[in-house]
Amino acid sequence: MKVVFDTNVYISAFISPGSKAEDAYLLAVDGQAELYTSVAILTETAKKLRGKFLWDDVRIAAALKHISKVATVLKPVNRLNILSDAPDNRILECAKEAGADLIVTGDKHLLGLKQYEGMGITRIAGFLYSFRR
């Protein structure tokens, strides 16, 4: 399954050990999901970790390096303007470029779409549930 995680999933995975977000990330680490991300998603993740959680550059670099080893990092060429929040559009761009099956997010604007061009959009719990069946 090809999947794109929103920034909020990565942040929750890194700041909340033992969380559902960490469980989801570990599925990708274990190769049970084919994870895709983009330079824009990594940049947004770094910005949030620095600004909101006061992580230093060394810690941020280590987190981004780990994500980059687990995920295929894309540089989407087609820009989308579907939602009013630009970072949400970057998630859609990455998913479209990857040909993703699923977008995993906690963002209400993305979740409100329910799907985009045949790609499902779900919360972390929904993603984890698909592995329990």
C-alpha atoms as a PDB file:
ATOM      1  CA  MET A   1       0.000   0.000   0.000  1.00  0.00           C
ATOM      2  CA  LYS A   2       1.389   3.398  -1.045  1.00  0.00           C
ATOM      3  CA  VAL A   3       0.798   5.981   1.667  1.00  0.00           C
ATOM      4  CA  VAL A   4       1.537   9.645   2.349  1.00  0.00           C
ATOM      5  CA  PHE A   5       1.626  10.895   5.930  1.00  0.00           C
ATOM      6  CA  ASP A   6       0.684  14.462   6.723  1.00  0.00           C
ATOM      7  CA  THR A   7       3.111  16.546   8.758  1.00  0.00           C
ATOM      8  CA  ASN A   8       0.976  16.073  11.874  1.00  0.00           C
ATOM      9  CA  VAL A   9       1.489  12.299  11.712  1.00  0.00           C
ATOM     10  CA  TYR A  10       5.276  12.634  11.670  1.00  0.00           C
ATOM     11  CA  ILE A  11       5.233  15.166  14.484  1.00  0.00           C
ATOM     12  CA  SER A  12       2.991  13.000  16.658  1.00  0.00           C
ATOM     13  CA  ALA A  13       5.147   9.958  15.935  1.00  0.00           C
ATOM     14  CA  PHE A  14       8.305  11.753  17.045  1.00  0.00           C
ATOM     15  CA  ILE A  15       6.987  13.666  20.050  1.00  0.00           C
ATOM     16  CA  SER A  16       4.662  10.982  21.469  1.00  0.00           C
ATOM     17  CA  PRO A  17       6.419   7.615  21.884  1.00  0.00           C
ATOM     18  CA  GLY A  18       3.910   4.772  22.097  1.00  0.00           C
ATOM     19  CA  SER A  19       1.243   6.772  20.233  1.00  0.00           C
ATOM     20  CA  LYS A  20      -0.898   5.579  17.344  1.00  0.00           C
ATOM     21  CA  ALA A  21       1.154   7.881  15.107  1.00  0.00           C
ATOM     22  CA  GLU A  22       4.338   6.109  16.159  1.00  0.00           C
ATOM     23  CA  ASP A  23       2.639   2.744  15.486  1.00  0.00           C
ATOM     24  CA  ALA A  24       1.718   3.961  11.984  1.00  0.00           C
ATOM     25  CA  TYR A  25       5.244   5.204  11.318  1.00  0.00           C
ATOM     26  CA  LEU A  26       6.722   1.911  12.536  1.00  0.00           C
ATOM     27  CA  LEU A  27       4.571   0.023   9.999  1.00  0.00           C
ATOM     28  CA  ALA A  28       6.391   1.993   7.307  1.00  0.00           C
ATOM     29  CA  VAL A  29       9.754   1.451   9.013  1.00  0.00           C
ATOM     30  CA  ASP A  30       9.025  -2.296   8.966  1.00  0.00           C
ATOM     31  CA  GLY A  31       8.166  -2.130   5.248  1.00  0.00           C
ATOM     32  CA  GLN A  32       4.497  -2.985   5.701  1.00  0.00           C
ATOM     33  CA  ALA A  33       3.498   0.254   3.967  1.00  0.00           C
ATOM     34  CA  GLU A  34       5.278   2.027   1.124  1.00  0.00           C
ATOM     35  CA  LEU A  35       5.757   5.551   2.495  1.00  0.00           C
ATOM     36  CA  TYR A  36       6.151   8.644   0.317  1.00  0.00           C
ATOM     37  CA  THR A  37       6.924  12.199   1.344  1.00  0.00           C
ATOM     38  CA  SER A  38       8.128  15.373  -0.311  1.00  0.00           C
ATOM     39  CA  VAL A  39      10.650  18.115   0.271  1.00  0.00           C
ATOM     40  CA  ALA A  40       7.729  20.437   1.132  1.00  0.00           C
ATOM     41  CA  ILE A  41       6.357  18.011   3.747  1.00  0.00           C
ATOM     42  CA  LEU A  42       9.807  17.589   5.311  1.00  0.00           C
ATOM     43  CA  THR A  43      10.305  21.362   5.356  1.00  0.00           C
ATOM     44  CA  GLU A  44       6.937  21.881   7.053  1.00  0.00           C
ATOM     45  CA  THR A  45       7.746  19.147   9.581  1.00  0.00           C
ATOM     46  CA  ALA A  46      11.053  20.837  10.438  1.00  0.00           C
ATOM     47  CA  LYS A  47       9.345  24.227  10.759  1.00  0.00           C
ATOM     48  CA  LYS A  48       6.738  22.846  13.195  1.00  0.00           C
ATOM     49  CA  LEU A  49       9.280  20.920  15.273  1.00  0.00           C
ATOM     50  CA  ARG A  50      11.423  24.036  15.572  1.00  0.00           C
ATOM     51  CA  GLY A  51       8.689  26.620  16.162  1.00  0.00           C
ATOM     52  CA  LYS A  52       6.094  24.749  18.163  1.00  0.00           C
ATOM     53  CA  PHE A  53       8.165  22.121  19.974  1.00  0.00           C
ATOM     54  CA  LEU A  54      11.476  24.025  20.237  1.00  0.00           C
ATOM     55  CA  TRP A  55      13.586  21.220  18.807  1.00  0.00           C
ATOM     56  CA  ASP A  56      17.169  22.151  17.949  1.00  0.00           C
ATOM     57  CA  ASP A  57      18.636  21.757  14.464  1.00  0.00           C
ATOM     58  CA  VAL A  58      20.561  18.576  15.324  1.00  0.00           C
ATOM     59  CA  ARG A  59      17.449  16.794  16.563  1.00  0.00           C
ATOM     60  CA  ILE A  60      15.391  18.008  13.597  1.00  0.00           C
ATOM     61  CA  ALA A  61      18.063  16.881  11.121  1.00  0.00           C
ATOM     62  CA  ALA A  62      18.127  13.424  12.724  1.00  0.00           C
ATOM     63  CA  ALA A  63      14.330  13.104  12.465  1.00  0.00           C
ATOM     64  CA  LEU A  64      14.264  14.222   8.819  1.00  0.00           C
ATOM     65  CA  LYS A  65      17.149  11.899   7.974  1.00  0.00           C
ATOM     66  CA  HIS A  66      15.229   8.997   9.493  1.00  0.00           C
ATOM     67  CA  ILE A  67      12.075   9.847   7.544  1.00  0.00           C
ATOM     68  CA  SER A  68      14.137  10.145   4.353  1.00  0.00           C
ATOM     69  CA  LYS A  69      15.533   6.638   4.872  1.00  0.00           C
ATOM     70  CA  VAL A  70      12.068   5.161   5.384  1.00  0.00           C
ATOM     71  CA  ALA A  71      10.144   7.115   2.741  1.00  0.00           C
ATOM     72  CA  THR A  72      10.695   7.858  -0.906  1.00  0.00           C
ATOM     73  CA  VAL A  73      11.195  11.623  -1.103  1.00  0.00           C
ATOM     74  CA  LEU A  74       9.517  13.261  -4.085  1.00  0.00           C
ATOM     75  CA  LYS A  75       9.647  16.731  -5.624  1.00  0.00           C
ATOM     76  CA  PRO A  76       6.186  17.114  -7.198  1.00  0.00           C
ATOM     77  CA  VAL A  77       6.185  19.347 -10.249  1.00  0.00           C
ATOM     78  CA  ASN A  78       2.447  19.998 -10.487  1.00  0.00           C
ATOM     79  CA  ARG A  79       1.102  22.557  -8.012  1.00  0.00           C
ATOM     80  CA  LEU A  80      -2.424  22.179  -6.667  1.00  0.00           C
ATOM     81  CA  ASN A  81      -4.703  24.778  -5.147  1.00  0.00           C
ATOM     82  CA  ILE A  82      -7.622  22.663  -3.914  1.00  0.00           C
ATOM     83  CA  LEU A  83      -7.686  23.744  -0.260  1.00  0.00           C
ATOM     84  CA  SER A  84      -7.145  27.186   1.293  1.00  0.00           C
ATOM     85  CA  ASP A  85      -4.207  26.017   3.460  1.00  0.00           C
ATOM     86  CA  ALA A  86      -1.080  25.743   1.276  1.00  0.00           C
ATOM     87  CA  PRO A  87       0.558  22.923   3.325  1.00  0.00           C
ATOM     88  CA  ASP A  88      -2.584  20.806   2.785  1.00  0.00           C
ATOM     89  CA  ASN A  89      -2.138  21.216  -0.968  1.00  0.00           C
ATOM     90  CA  ARG A  90       1.474  20.018  -0.644  1.00  0.00           C
ATOM     91  CA  ILE A  91       0.142  16.758   0.862  1.00  0.00           C
ATOM     92  CA  LEU A  92      -2.222  16.301  -2.087  1.00  0.00           C
ATOM     93  CA  GLU A  93       0.587  17.053  -4.556  1.00  0.00           C
ATOM     94  CA  CYS A  94       2.821  14.436  -2.988  1.00  0.00           C
ATOM     95  CA  ALA A  95       0.055  11.835  -2.931  1.00  0.00           C
ATOM     96  CA  LYS A  96      -0.811  12.482  -6.578  1.00  0.00           C
ATOM     97  CA  GLU A  97       2.852  12.293  -7.651  1.00  0.00           C
ATOM     98  CA  ALA A  98       3.298   9.030  -5.696  1.00  0.00           C
ATOM     99  CA  GLY A  99       0.109   7.467  -6.999  1.00  0.00           C
ATOM    100  CA  ALA A 100      -0.753   6.876  -3.354  1.00  0.00           C
ATOM    101  CA  ASP A 101      -3.544   4.634  -2.181  1.00  0.00           C
ATOM    102  CA  LEU A 102      -4.019   6.549   1.044  1.00  0.00           C
ATOM    103  CA  ILE A 103      -3.313   9.852   2.780  1.00  0.00           C
ATOM    104  CA  VAL A 104      -3.058   9.636   6.579  1.00  0.00           C
ATOM    105  CA  THR A 105      -3.816  12.852   8.439  1.00  0.00           C
ATOM    106  CA  GLY A 106      -5.440  14.483  11.417  1.00  0.00           C
ATOM    107  CA  ASP A 107      -6.182  17.642   9.431  1.00  0.00           C
ATOM    108  CA  LYS A 108      -9.904  18.413   9.270  1.00  0.00           C
ATOM    109  CA  HIS A 109      -9.662  20.085   5.856  1.00  0.00           C
ATOM    110  CA  LEU A 110      -8.026  17.068   4.248  1.00  0.00           C
ATOM    111  CA  LEU A 111     -10.313  14.659   6.113  1.00  0.00           C
ATOM    112  CA  GLY A 112     -13.293  16.644   4.817  1.00  0.00           C
ATOM    113  CA  LEU A 113     -12.370  15.633   1.271  1.00  0.00           C
ATOM    114  CA  LYS A 114     -12.706  11.921   2.245  1.00  0.00           C
ATOM    115  CA  GLN A 115     -10.853  11.055  -0.965  1.00  0.00           C
ATOM    116  CA  TYR A 116      -8.929  12.768  -3.728  1.00  0.00           C
ATOM    117  CA  GLU A 117      -8.716  11.354  -7.241  1.00  0.00           C
ATOM    118  CA  GLY A 118      -9.357   7.836  -5.975  1.00  0.00           C
ATOM    119  CA  MET A 119      -6.973   8.097  -3.013  1.00  0.00           C
ATOM    120  CA  GLY A 120      -8.545   7.556   0.381  1.00  0.00           C
ATOM    121  CA  ILE A 121      -7.972  10.070   3.156  1.00  0.00           C
ATOM    122  CA  THR A 122      -8.127   8.716   6.692  1.00  0.00           C
ATOM    123  CA  ARG A 123      -7.105   9.304  10.281  1.00  0.00           C
ATOM    124  CA  ILE A 124      -4.274   7.334  11.867  1.00  0.00           C
ATOM    125  CA  ALA A 125      -6.772   4.974  13.536  1.00  0.00           C
ATOM    126  CA  GLY A 126      -8.294   4.090  10.163  1.00  0.00           C
ATOM    127  CA  PHE A 127      -4.866   3.395   8.718  1.00  0.00           C
ATOM    128  CA  LEU A 128      -3.963   1.135  11.649  1.00  0.00           C
ATOM    129  CA  TYR A 129      -7.328  -0.641  11.421  1.00  0.00           C
ATOM    130  CA  SER A 130      -6.602  -1.662   7.826  1.00  0.00           C
ATOM    131  CA  PHE A 131      -3.618  -3.676   9.127  1.00  0.00           C
ATOM    132  CA  ARG A 132      -5.621  -5.455  11.818  1.00  0.00           C
ATOM    133  CA  ARG A 133      -8.086  -7.032   9.417  1.00  0.00           C
END
